Amino acid sequence: MPDDMVDSAPDPSPPGRTPQAAPARAPRLARRAPSVSLPLLILALAVLGGVGGGGLWWALERHYEAVLAGKDAEIHRLGAEVRTLTAGRAGAERQVLALRKQLLDEQAGSSGERGVNSDGLYQLGQEVAQSTSAHVDRANSLVAFDTIEADPDFNLAGEITYRDYLLGNCRRYGADSSERVLGQVVAREITHVTCQIADVR
């Protein structure tokens, strides 16, 4: 059969329209990435997380060790300061005791020079009062006076030397009457006084 007699495919275009080219096929999609099994993915994440987490915990551990080291140094410094203050306080207390003993010795010496008054109460080396009604209670470290005949400048709140005792913390439970001449106090009578024994010569 002649070539011009060969049937050709009918043109689908409507009459009077230019035939249109057939639409091009859509390009094939890229090849799908190979699938990774879920267990392997979980294992990889666990390994990566373990390595990163270990580094984080190591950094935190180093940080807190540094903080604790600083606290230990501060505690050591404060402890040294406390020991220094304690030693200073002990030294000051020894000095006070030495001065007190010196004062007692001086009072005893001055009393010996002018004759000791066994009933006298002394302050700063001077006899400022006397009592003939004292009761010494060595067991309870107390001296009680029924009556004290005192000079105007007698200070019941101060340290008092009576015989071989250094007295302090004296309390009056009775009256404190005074004798006046021309409006001036010349003598005092103090009743029912109790003092603690602070030291014994």
N, C-alpha and C. Protein backbone atom coordinates (compact mmCIF):
# COMPACT_ATOMS: atom_id res chain seq x y z
N MET A 1 0.87 -1.17 0.00
CA MET A 1 0.00 0.00 0.00
C MET A 1 0.91 1.22 0.00
N PRO A 2 0.52 2.22 -0.85
CA PRO A 2 1.37 3.42 -0.88
C PRO A 2 1.33 4.11 0.47
N ASP A 3 2.48 4.84 0.71
CA ASP A 3 2.61 5.50 2.03
C ASP A 3 1.54 6.52 2.22
N ASP A 4 1.11 7.20 1.15
CA ASP A 4 0.12 8.23 1.36
C ASP A 4 -1.25 7.68 1.58
N MET A 5 -1.37 6.36 1.48
CA MET A 5 -2.65 5.76 1.72
C MET A 5 -2.75 5.23 3.15
N VAL A 6 -1.65 5.36 3.87
CA VAL A 6 -1.67 4.80 5.24
C VAL A 6 -2.53 5.68 6.10
N ASP A 7 -3.40 5.04 6.83
CA ASP A 7 -4.29 5.79 7.74
C ASP A 7 -3.47 6.40 8.86
N SER A 8 -3.76 7.61 9.12
CA SER A 8 -3.11 8.27 10.28
C SER A 8 -4.12 8.42 11.38
N ALA A 9 -3.60 8.60 12.59
CA ALA A 9 -4.49 8.70 13.76
C ALA A 9 -5.30 9.95 13.65
N PRO A 10 -6.55 9.89 13.93
CA PRO A 10 -7.42 11.06 13.80
C PRO A 10 -6.99 12.16 14.76
N ASP A 11 -7.09 13.38 14.26
CA ASP A 11 -6.72 14.54 15.09
C ASP A 11 -7.87 14.86 16.02
N PRO A 12 -7.59 14.79 17.34
CA PRO A 12 -8.69 15.02 18.31
C PRO A 12 -9.10 16.46 18.38
N SER A 13 -8.31 17.38 17.78
CA SER A 13 -8.64 18.78 17.88
C SER A 13 -9.89 19.06 17.11
N PRO A 14 -10.73 19.91 17.57
CA PRO A 14 -11.96 20.26 16.85
C PRO A 14 -11.59 20.90 15.54
N PRO A 15 -12.50 20.83 14.59
CA PRO A 15 -12.21 21.42 13.28
C PRO A 15 -12.00 22.91 13.41
N GLY A 16 -11.06 23.42 12.67
CA GLY A 16 -10.75 24.84 12.67
C GLY A 16 -9.74 25.26 13.70
N ARG A 17 -9.24 24.34 14.58
CA ARG A 17 -8.22 24.67 15.60
C ARG A 17 -6.90 24.01 15.26
N THR A 18 -5.86 24.71 15.64
CA THR A 18 -4.53 24.17 15.39
C THR A 18 -4.30 23.00 16.33
N PRO A 19 -3.81 21.93 15.81
CA PRO A 19 -3.57 20.77 16.72
C PRO A 19 -2.57 21.14 17.81
N GLN A 20 -2.81 20.73 19.05
CA GLN A 20 -1.95 21.01 20.21
C GLN A 20 -1.07 19.80 20.51
N ALA A 21 0.11 20.15 20.94
CA ALA A 21 1.03 19.06 21.31
C ALA A 21 0.54 18.36 22.56
N ALA A 22 0.80 17.11 22.63
CA ALA A 22 0.38 16.32 23.81
C ALA A 22 1.14 16.80 25.04
N PRO A 23 0.47 16.92 26.16
CA PRO A 23 1.15 17.40 27.39
C PRO A 23 2.29 16.49 27.78
N ALA A 24 3.39 17.18 28.23
CA ALA A 24 4.57 16.40 28.64
C ALA A 24 4.29 15.68 29.94
N ARG A 25 4.92 14.53 30.03
CA ARG A 25 4.75 13.75 31.26
C ARG A 25 5.48 14.40 32.44
N ALA A 26 4.86 14.29 33.59
CA ALA A 26 5.51 14.83 34.81
C ALA A 26 6.79 14.06 35.08
N PRO A 27 7.83 14.78 35.50
CA PRO A 27 9.10 14.06 35.78
C PRO A 27 8.91 13.10 36.95
N ARG A 28 9.69 12.07 36.86
CA ARG A 28 9.62 11.07 37.92
C ARG A 28 10.15 11.64 39.24
N LEU A 29 9.52 11.23 40.30
CA LEU A 29 9.98 11.65 41.62
C LEU A 29 11.37 11.11 41.90
N ALA A 30 12.09 11.89 42.78
CA ALA A 30 13.43 11.42 43.16
C ALA A 30 13.31 10.09 43.86
N ARG A 31 14.37 9.34 43.71
CA ARG A 31 14.37 8.02 44.32
C ARG A 31 14.20 8.13 45.83
N ARG A 32 13.34 7.36 46.40
CA ARG A 32 13.07 7.39 47.84
C ARG A 32 14.31 7.01 48.63
N ALA A 33 14.52 7.83 49.73
CA ALA A 33 15.68 7.56 50.58
C ALA A 33 15.52 6.21 51.24
N PRO A 34 16.61 5.55 51.41
CA PRO A 34 16.51 4.22 52.05
C PRO A 34 15.98 4.35 53.47
N SER A 35 15.12 3.50 53.84
CA SER A 35 14.51 3.54 55.16
C SER A 35 15.49 3.08 56.22
N VAL A 36 15.39 3.73 57.42
CA VAL A 36 16.23 3.35 58.55
C VAL A 36 15.34 2.70 59.60
N SER A 37 15.79 1.61 60.10
CA SER A 37 14.95 0.90 61.06
C SER A 37 14.83 1.71 62.35
N LEU A 38 13.70 1.68 62.96
CA LEU A 38 13.43 2.43 64.18
C LEU A 38 14.34 2.03 65.33
N PRO A 39 14.64 0.76 65.53
CA PRO A 39 15.56 0.41 66.63
C PRO A 39 16.93 1.04 66.47
N LEU A 40 17.47 1.06 65.21
CA LEU A 40 18.77 1.68 65.00
C LEU A 40 18.72 3.17 65.29
N LEU A 41 17.63 3.85 64.92
CA LEU A 41 17.49 5.28 65.19
C LEU A 41 17.44 5.56 66.69
N ILE A 42 16.71 4.75 67.38
CA ILE A 42 16.62 4.92 68.84
C ILE A 42 17.99 4.70 69.49
N LEU A 43 18.71 3.66 68.99
CA LEU A 43 20.03 3.38 69.54
C LEU A 43 20.98 4.53 69.30
N ALA A 44 20.94 5.12 68.08
CA ALA A 44 21.83 6.25 67.77
C ALA A 44 21.51 7.45 68.65
N LEU A 45 20.23 7.76 68.82
CA LEU A 45 19.85 8.88 69.68
C LEU A 45 20.27 8.65 71.12
N ALA A 46 20.15 7.40 71.57
CA ALA A 46 20.55 7.09 72.94
C ALA A 46 22.05 7.29 73.13
N VAL A 47 22.85 6.86 72.12
CA VAL A 47 24.30 7.02 72.22
C VAL A 47 24.67 8.49 72.23
N LEU A 48 24.09 9.26 71.28
CA LEU A 48 24.38 10.69 71.22
C LEU A 48 23.94 11.39 72.51
N GLY A 49 22.75 11.08 72.99
CA GLY A 49 22.27 11.68 74.23
C GLY A 49 23.13 11.31 75.41
N GLY A 50 23.62 10.05 75.44
CA GLY A 50 24.47 9.64 76.55
C GLY A 50 25.78 10.39 76.56
N VAL A 51 26.37 10.60 75.36
CA VAL A 51 27.64 11.33 75.30
C VAL A 51 27.44 12.77 75.73
N GLY A 52 26.40 13.45 75.19
CA GLY A 52 26.14 14.84 75.57
C GLY A 52 25.76 14.96 77.02
N GLY A 53 24.90 14.07 77.49
CA GLY A 53 24.49 14.12 78.89
C GLY A 53 25.65 13.88 79.84
N GLY A 54 26.57 12.98 79.47
CA GLY A 54 27.73 12.74 80.31
C GLY A 54 28.59 13.98 80.43
N GLY A 55 28.78 14.68 79.33
CA GLY A 55 29.55 15.93 79.39
C GLY A 55 28.88 16.97 80.27
N LEU A 56 27.55 17.05 80.18
CA LEU A 56 26.82 18.00 81.01
C LEU A 56 26.96 17.67 82.48
N TRP A 57 26.80 16.39 82.82
CA TRP A 57 26.93 16.00 84.23
C TRP A 57 28.35 16.22 84.73
N TRP A 58 29.33 16.00 83.89
CA TRP A 58 30.72 16.23 84.29
C TRP A 58 30.94 17.71 84.61
N ALA A 59 30.40 18.61 83.74
CA ALA A 59 30.55 20.04 83.98
C ALA A 59 29.85 20.46 85.28
N LEU A 60 28.64 19.93 85.49
CA LEU A 60 27.94 20.27 86.74
C LEU A 60 28.69 19.76 87.96
N GLU A 61 29.26 18.56 87.83
CA GLU A 61 30.00 18.01 88.97
C GLU A 61 31.22 18.86 89.29
N ARG A 62 31.94 19.30 88.22
CA ARG A 62 33.11 20.17 88.45
C ARG A 62 32.68 21.49 89.08
N HIS A 63 31.55 22.04 88.64
CA HIS A 63 31.07 23.31 89.18
C HIS A 63 30.76 23.20 90.67
N TYR A 64 30.03 22.16 91.07
CA TYR A 64 29.65 22.01 92.47
C TYR A 64 30.86 21.65 93.33
N GLU A 65 31.84 20.95 92.76
CA GLU A 65 33.05 20.69 93.51
C GLU A 65 33.79 21.99 93.80
N ALA A 66 33.81 22.89 92.80
CA ALA A 66 34.45 24.19 93.03
C ALA A 66 33.69 24.99 94.09
N VAL A 67 32.35 24.95 94.06
CA VAL A 67 31.55 25.66 95.06
C VAL A 67 31.82 25.11 96.46
N LEU A 68 31.86 23.78 96.59
CA LEU A 68 32.11 23.17 97.89
C LEU A 68 33.52 23.48 98.39
N ALA A 69 34.48 23.52 97.47
CA ALA A 69 35.84 23.88 97.87
C ALA A 69 35.89 25.30 98.42
N GLY A 70 35.15 26.22 97.76
CA GLY A 70 35.09 27.59 98.27
C GLY A 70 34.44 27.66 99.64
N LYS A 71 33.36 26.89 99.85
CA LYS A 71 32.71 26.87 101.16
C LYS A 71 33.64 26.31 102.23
N ASP A 72 34.39 25.25 101.90
CA ASP A 72 35.33 24.68 102.87
C ASP A 72 36.39 25.70 103.26
N ALA A 73 36.87 26.45 102.27
CA ALA A 73 37.88 27.48 102.58
C ALA A 73 37.29 28.56 103.48
N GLU A 74 36.03 28.95 103.23
CA GLU A 74 35.39 29.97 104.06
C GLU A 74 35.20 29.45 105.49
N ILE A 75 34.79 28.20 105.63
CA ILE A 75 34.61 27.60 106.96
C ILE A 75 35.94 27.54 107.70
N HIS A 76 37.00 27.17 106.97
CA HIS A 76 38.32 27.12 107.60
C HIS A 76 38.75 28.50 108.07
N ARG A 77 38.49 29.54 107.26
CA ARG A 77 38.87 30.90 107.63
C ARG A 77 38.09 31.36 108.87
N LEU A 78 36.78 31.10 108.89
CA LEU A 78 35.97 31.49 110.04
C LEU A 78 36.40 30.73 111.30
N GLY A 79 36.74 29.46 111.13
CA GLY A 79 37.20 28.70 112.29
C GLY A 79 38.49 29.27 112.86
N ALA A 80 39.41 29.70 111.96
CA ALA A 80 40.65 30.32 112.43
C ALA A 80 40.37 31.62 113.18
N GLU A 81 39.41 32.42 112.67
CA GLU A 81 39.06 33.66 113.35
C GLU A 81 38.47 33.38 114.73
N VAL A 82 37.60 32.37 114.82
CA VAL A 82 37.00 32.02 116.12
C VAL A 82 38.08 31.59 117.11
N ARG A 83 39.03 30.78 116.64
CA ARG A 83 40.11 30.35 117.54
C ARG A 83 40.95 31.53 118.00
N THR A 84 41.19 32.48 117.09
CA THR A 84 41.96 33.66 117.47
C THR A 84 41.22 34.49 118.51
N LEU A 85 39.90 34.69 118.29
CA LEU A 85 39.11 35.46 119.25
C LEU A 85 39.03 34.75 120.60
N THR A 86 38.89 33.42 120.56
CA THR A 86 38.83 32.67 121.81
C THR A 86 40.13 32.80 122.60
N ALA A 87 41.26 32.70 121.87
CA ALA A 87 42.54 32.85 122.55
C ALA A 87 42.70 34.26 123.12
N GLY A 88 42.24 35.27 122.37
CA GLY A 88 42.30 36.63 122.88
C GLY A 88 41.46 36.84 124.11
N ARG A 89 40.27 36.22 124.11
CA ARG A 89 39.40 36.34 125.28
C ARG A 89 40.03 35.67 126.49
N ALA A 90 40.64 34.50 126.28
CA ALA A 90 41.29 33.81 127.41
C ALA A 90 42.43 34.65 127.96
N GLY A 91 43.19 35.30 127.06
CA GLY A 91 44.27 36.16 127.53
C GLY A 91 43.75 37.35 128.32
N ALA A 92 42.63 37.94 127.83
CA ALA A 92 42.05 39.07 128.55
C ALA A 92 41.55 38.65 129.92
N GLU A 93 40.94 37.46 130.01
CA GLU A 93 40.47 36.99 131.31
C GLU A 93 41.64 36.77 132.27
N ARG A 94 42.76 36.26 131.77
CA ARG A 94 43.94 36.08 132.64
C ARG A 94 44.46 37.42 133.13
N GLN A 95 44.44 38.42 132.25
CA GLN A 95 44.89 39.75 132.66
C GLN A 95 43.98 40.33 133.75
N VAL A 96 42.66 40.13 133.58
CA VAL A 96 41.73 40.64 134.59
C VAL A 96 41.97 39.97 135.94
N LEU A 97 42.17 38.66 135.91
CA LEU A 97 42.44 37.95 137.17
C LEU A 97 43.74 38.43 137.81
N ALA A 98 44.76 38.68 136.98
CA ALA A 98 46.03 39.16 137.52
C ALA A 98 45.87 40.54 138.14
N LEU A 99 45.13 41.43 137.47
CA LEU A 99 44.90 42.77 138.02
C LEU A 99 44.09 42.71 139.30
N ARG A 100 43.11 41.81 139.33
CA ARG A 100 42.31 41.68 140.55
C ARG A 100 43.17 41.20 141.71
N LYS A 101 44.03 40.22 141.43
CA LYS A 101 44.91 39.74 142.49
C LYS A 101 45.86 40.85 142.96
N GLN A 102 46.35 41.64 142.00
CA GLN A 102 47.22 42.75 142.38
C GLN A 102 46.48 43.75 143.25
N LEU A 103 45.23 44.05 142.90
CA LEU A 103 44.44 44.97 143.71
C LEU A 103 44.22 44.43 145.11
N LEU A 104 43.93 43.14 145.19
CA LEU A 104 43.74 42.54 146.51
C LEU A 104 45.02 42.61 147.35
N ASP A 105 46.15 42.36 146.70
CA ASP A 105 47.41 42.43 147.43
C ASP A 105 47.68 43.86 147.92
N GLU A 106 47.37 44.83 147.03
CA GLU A 106 47.57 46.22 147.44
C GLU A 106 46.65 46.60 148.59
N GLN A 107 45.41 46.13 148.53
CA GLN A 107 44.48 46.42 149.62
C GLN A 107 44.94 45.77 150.92
N ALA A 108 45.45 44.55 150.80
CA ALA A 108 45.94 43.87 152.00
C ALA A 108 47.16 44.60 152.57
N GLY A 109 48.03 45.09 151.69
CA GLY A 109 49.21 45.81 152.15
C GLY A 109 48.85 47.11 152.83
N SER A 110 47.89 47.85 152.22
CA SER A 110 47.50 49.12 152.84
C SER A 110 46.78 48.88 154.16
N SER A 111 46.03 47.81 154.25
CA SER A 111 45.35 47.50 155.52
C SER A 111 46.35 47.11 156.58
N GLY A 112 47.41 46.38 156.17
CA GLY A 112 48.41 45.97 157.13
C GLY A 112 49.20 47.15 157.66
N GLU A 113 49.43 48.15 156.80
CA GLU A 113 50.19 49.30 157.24
C GLU A 113 49.46 50.08 158.33
N ARG A 114 48.15 50.21 158.19
CA ARG A 114 47.41 51.01 159.17
C ARG A 114 46.65 50.16 160.19
N GLY A 115 46.83 48.83 160.11
CA GLY A 115 46.11 47.95 161.02
C GLY A 115 44.85 47.43 160.34
N VAL A 116 44.70 46.12 160.29
CA VAL A 116 43.59 45.50 159.59
C VAL A 116 42.34 45.59 160.45
N ASN A 117 41.26 46.05 159.83
CA ASN A 117 39.96 46.05 160.48
C ASN A 117 39.20 44.84 159.96
N SER A 118 39.06 43.84 160.79
CA SER A 118 38.43 42.60 160.34
C SER A 118 36.96 42.78 159.98
N ASP A 119 36.38 43.88 160.42
CA ASP A 119 34.98 44.14 160.09
C ASP A 119 34.83 45.15 158.94
N GLY A 120 35.95 45.58 158.39
CA GLY A 120 35.89 46.61 157.36
C GLY A 120 35.56 46.07 155.98
N LEU A 121 34.88 46.90 155.20
CA LEU A 121 34.60 46.62 153.79
C LEU A 121 35.37 47.65 152.97
N TYR A 122 36.18 47.17 152.01
CA TYR A 122 37.10 48.03 151.29
C TYR A 122 36.74 48.11 149.80
N GLN A 123 36.94 49.30 149.26
CA GLN A 123 36.80 49.51 147.83
C GLN A 123 37.94 50.41 147.37
N LEU A 124 38.66 49.94 146.34
CA LEU A 124 39.81 50.67 145.79
C LEU A 124 40.84 50.99 146.87
N GLY A 125 41.02 50.02 147.75
CA GLY A 125 42.03 50.16 148.79
C GLY A 125 41.62 51.01 149.97
N GLN A 126 40.40 51.53 149.98
CA GLN A 126 39.94 52.40 151.06
C GLN A 126 38.81 51.72 151.83
N GLU A 127 38.86 51.86 153.15
CA GLU A 127 37.75 51.34 153.95
C GLU A 127 36.57 52.29 153.82
N VAL A 128 35.44 51.77 153.31
CA VAL A 128 34.27 52.60 153.05
C VAL A 128 33.06 52.15 153.86
N ALA A 129 33.19 51.04 154.57
CA ALA A 129 32.06 50.56 155.38
C ALA A 129 32.58 49.52 156.36
N GLN A 130 31.72 49.17 157.29
CA GLN A 130 32.06 48.09 158.21
C GLN A 130 30.78 47.40 158.67
N SER A 131 30.95 46.16 159.08
CA SER A 131 29.80 45.39 159.54
C SER A 131 30.27 44.41 160.60
N THR A 132 29.49 44.34 161.67
CA THR A 132 29.78 43.38 162.75
C THR A 132 28.79 42.23 162.75
N SER A 133 28.00 42.15 161.66
CA SER A 133 26.96 41.11 161.62
C SER A 133 27.04 40.31 160.32
N ALA A 134 28.27 39.98 159.89
CA ALA A 134 28.45 39.23 158.65
C ALA A 134 28.35 37.73 158.91
N HIS A 135 27.80 37.01 157.96
CA HIS A 135 27.67 35.55 158.02
C HIS A 135 28.25 34.98 156.72
N VAL A 136 29.35 34.23 156.85
CA VAL A 136 30.03 33.68 155.67
C VAL A 136 29.53 32.27 155.42
N ASP A 137 29.08 32.03 154.18
CA ASP A 137 28.61 30.70 153.76
C ASP A 137 29.52 30.24 152.62
N ARG A 138 30.63 29.60 152.98
CA ARG A 138 31.59 29.19 151.96
C ARG A 138 30.99 28.14 151.03
N ALA A 139 30.13 27.30 151.54
CA ALA A 139 29.56 26.23 150.70
C ALA A 139 28.77 26.78 149.53
N ASN A 140 28.07 27.89 149.76
CA ASN A 140 27.26 28.50 148.70
C ASN A 140 27.90 29.77 148.13
N SER A 141 29.15 30.04 148.55
CA SER A 141 29.88 31.22 148.06
C SER A 141 29.09 32.50 148.31
N LEU A 142 28.61 32.67 149.54
CA LEU A 142 27.82 33.84 149.90
C LEU A 142 28.32 34.45 151.20
N VAL A 143 28.17 35.78 151.30
CA VAL A 143 28.38 36.48 152.56
C VAL A 143 27.16 37.37 152.78
N ALA A 144 26.51 37.21 153.92
CA ALA A 144 25.31 37.99 154.24
C ALA A 144 25.63 38.96 155.38
N PHE A 145 25.15 40.19 155.22
CA PHE A 145 25.33 41.23 156.23
C PHE A 145 23.96 41.65 156.75
N ASP A 146 23.80 41.57 158.03
CA ASP A 146 22.55 42.07 158.61
C ASP A 146 22.49 43.59 158.52
N THR A 147 23.60 44.23 158.86
CA THR A 147 23.66 45.70 158.83
C THR A 147 25.05 46.14 158.37
N ILE A 148 25.09 47.13 157.50
CA ILE A 148 26.35 47.72 157.05
C ILE A 148 26.32 49.21 157.38
N GLU A 149 27.31 49.65 158.13
CA GLU A 149 27.48 51.08 158.40
C GLU A 149 28.46 51.61 157.35
N ALA A 150 27.95 52.46 156.47
CA ALA A 150 28.73 52.82 155.30
C ALA A 150 28.97 54.32 155.21
N ASP A 151 30.05 54.68 154.50
CA ASP A 151 30.32 56.07 154.17
C ASP A 151 29.41 56.51 153.03
N PRO A 152 29.28 57.80 152.79
CA PRO A 152 28.39 58.27 151.71
C PRO A 152 28.78 57.74 150.34
N ASP A 153 30.10 57.55 150.09
CA ASP A 153 30.54 57.13 148.75
C ASP A 153 30.63 55.61 148.60
N PHE A 154 30.09 54.86 149.56
CA PHE A 154 30.09 53.41 149.43
C PHE A 154 29.20 52.99 148.27
N ASN A 155 29.74 52.14 147.39
CA ASN A 155 29.02 51.69 146.19
C ASN A 155 28.69 50.21 146.33
N LEU A 156 27.44 49.92 146.62
CA LEU A 156 27.03 48.52 146.82
C LEU A 156 27.13 47.71 145.53
N ALA A 157 27.08 48.38 144.36
CA ALA A 157 27.14 47.66 143.08
C ALA A 157 28.58 47.36 142.66
N GLY A 158 29.57 47.95 143.34
CA GLY A 158 30.96 47.72 142.97
C GLY A 158 31.56 46.52 143.68
N GLU A 159 32.82 46.21 143.33
CA GLU A 159 33.52 45.12 144.00
C GLU A 159 33.90 45.53 145.42
N ILE A 160 33.75 44.60 146.32
CA ILE A 160 33.99 44.87 147.74
C ILE A 160 34.96 43.82 148.27
N THR A 161 35.92 44.28 149.02
CA THR A 161 36.85 43.36 149.69
C THR A 161 36.47 43.29 151.16
N TYR A 162 36.21 42.07 151.60
CA TYR A 162 35.87 41.86 153.02
C TYR A 162 36.73 40.69 153.51
N ARG A 163 37.64 41.02 154.42
CA ARG A 163 38.58 40.03 154.93
C ARG A 163 39.34 39.40 153.76
N ASP A 164 39.23 38.09 153.58
CA ASP A 164 39.95 37.42 152.48
C ASP A 164 39.08 37.20 151.26
N TYR A 165 37.95 37.86 151.22
CA TYR A 165 36.99 37.60 150.13
C TYR A 165 36.83 38.83 149.24
N LEU A 166 36.77 38.54 147.95
CA LEU A 166 36.38 39.57 146.98
C LEU A 166 34.91 39.33 146.65
N LEU A 167 34.07 40.32 146.97
CA LEU A 167 32.63 40.16 146.85
C LEU A 167 32.10 40.93 145.64
N GLY A 168 31.02 40.42 145.09
CA GLY A 168 30.37 41.08 143.97
C GLY A 168 28.91 40.68 143.91
N ASN A 169 28.18 41.30 142.98
CA ASN A 169 26.77 41.01 142.79
C ASN A 169 26.00 41.10 144.11
N CYS A 170 26.23 42.19 144.82
CA CYS A 170 25.57 42.38 146.11
C CYS A 170 24.12 42.87 145.90
N ARG A 171 23.23 42.38 146.73
CA ARG A 171 21.83 42.76 146.66
C ARG A 171 21.32 43.16 148.04
N ARG A 172 20.56 44.23 148.04
CA ARG A 172 19.99 44.73 149.29
C ARG A 172 18.53 44.30 149.38
N TYR A 173 18.18 43.69 150.50
CA TYR A 173 16.81 43.25 150.73
C TYR A 173 16.13 44.06 151.83
N GLY A 174 16.88 44.96 152.44
CA GLY A 174 16.31 45.80 153.50
C GLY A 174 16.32 47.26 153.12
N ALA A 175 16.51 48.12 154.11
CA ALA A 175 16.45 49.57 153.90
C ALA A 175 17.84 50.13 153.66
N ASP A 176 17.87 51.31 153.04
CA ASP A 176 19.10 52.07 152.85
C ASP A 176 18.82 53.49 153.36
N SER A 177 19.07 53.67 154.65
CA SER A 177 18.78 54.97 155.28
C SER A 177 20.07 55.77 155.39
N SER A 178 19.93 57.06 155.43
CA SER A 178 21.11 57.93 155.48
C SER A 178 20.96 58.97 156.59
N GLU A 179 22.10 59.37 157.11
CA GLU A 179 22.16 60.43 158.12
C GLU A 179 22.69 61.69 157.45
N ARG A 180 21.99 62.79 157.65
CA ARG A 180 22.35 64.04 156.98
C ARG A 180 22.71 65.11 158.01
N VAL A 181 23.66 65.91 157.64
CA VAL A 181 24.04 67.09 158.41
C VAL A 181 24.07 68.26 157.44
N LEU A 182 23.22 69.24 157.72
CA LEU A 182 23.10 70.41 156.83
C LEU A 182 22.80 70.00 155.39
N GLY A 183 21.96 68.99 155.30
CA GLY A 183 21.54 68.52 153.99
C GLY A 183 22.51 67.61 153.29
N GLN A 184 23.64 67.35 153.86
CA GLN A 184 24.64 66.48 153.26
C GLN A 184 24.64 65.11 153.93
N VAL A 185 24.74 64.06 153.15
CA VAL A 185 24.79 62.70 153.68
C VAL A 185 26.16 62.48 154.30
N VAL A 186 26.16 62.09 155.55
CA VAL A 186 27.42 61.85 156.25
C VAL A 186 27.60 60.38 156.61
N ALA A 187 26.53 59.61 156.59
CA ALA A 187 26.62 58.20 156.92
C ALA A 187 25.38 57.49 156.39
N ARG A 188 25.56 56.19 156.14
CA ARG A 188 24.44 55.37 155.65
C ARG A 188 24.36 54.09 156.46
N GLU A 189 23.15 53.61 156.59
CA GLU A 189 22.93 52.30 157.23
C GLU A 189 22.13 51.45 156.25
N ILE A 190 22.73 50.33 155.84
CA ILE A 190 22.11 49.44 154.85
C ILE A 190 21.86 48.11 155.55
N THR A 191 20.67 47.59 155.41
CA THR A 191 20.31 46.35 156.11
C THR A 191 20.01 45.22 155.12
N HIS A 192 20.30 44.03 155.61
CA HIS A 192 20.00 42.77 154.89
C HIS A 192 20.58 42.80 153.47
N VAL A 193 21.89 42.63 153.43
CA VAL A 193 22.63 42.62 152.16
C VAL A 193 23.28 41.24 151.98
N THR A 194 23.17 40.70 150.77
CA THR A 194 23.81 39.42 150.44
C THR A 194 24.72 39.63 149.24
N CYS A 195 25.96 39.12 149.33
CA CYS A 195 26.95 39.25 148.26
C CYS A 195 27.50 37.88 147.91
N GLN A 196 27.86 37.73 146.66
CA GLN A 196 28.48 36.48 146.20
C GLN A 196 29.99 36.61 146.35
N ILE A 197 30.63 35.50 146.70
CA ILE A 197 32.09 35.46 146.79
C ILE A 197 32.65 35.21 145.41
N ALA A 198 33.34 36.22 144.86
CA ALA A 198 33.91 36.09 143.53
C ALA A 198 35.31 35.47 143.56
N ASP A 199 36.03 35.71 144.61
CA ASP A 199 37.40 35.19 144.70
C ASP A 199 37.81 35.15 146.17
N VAL A 200 38.80 34.29 146.45
CA VAL A 200 39.32 34.17 147.82
C VAL A 200 40.83 34.31 147.75
N ARG A 201 41.37 35.13 148.60
CA ARG A 201 42.83 35.31 148.61
C ARG A 201 43.50 34.15 149.31
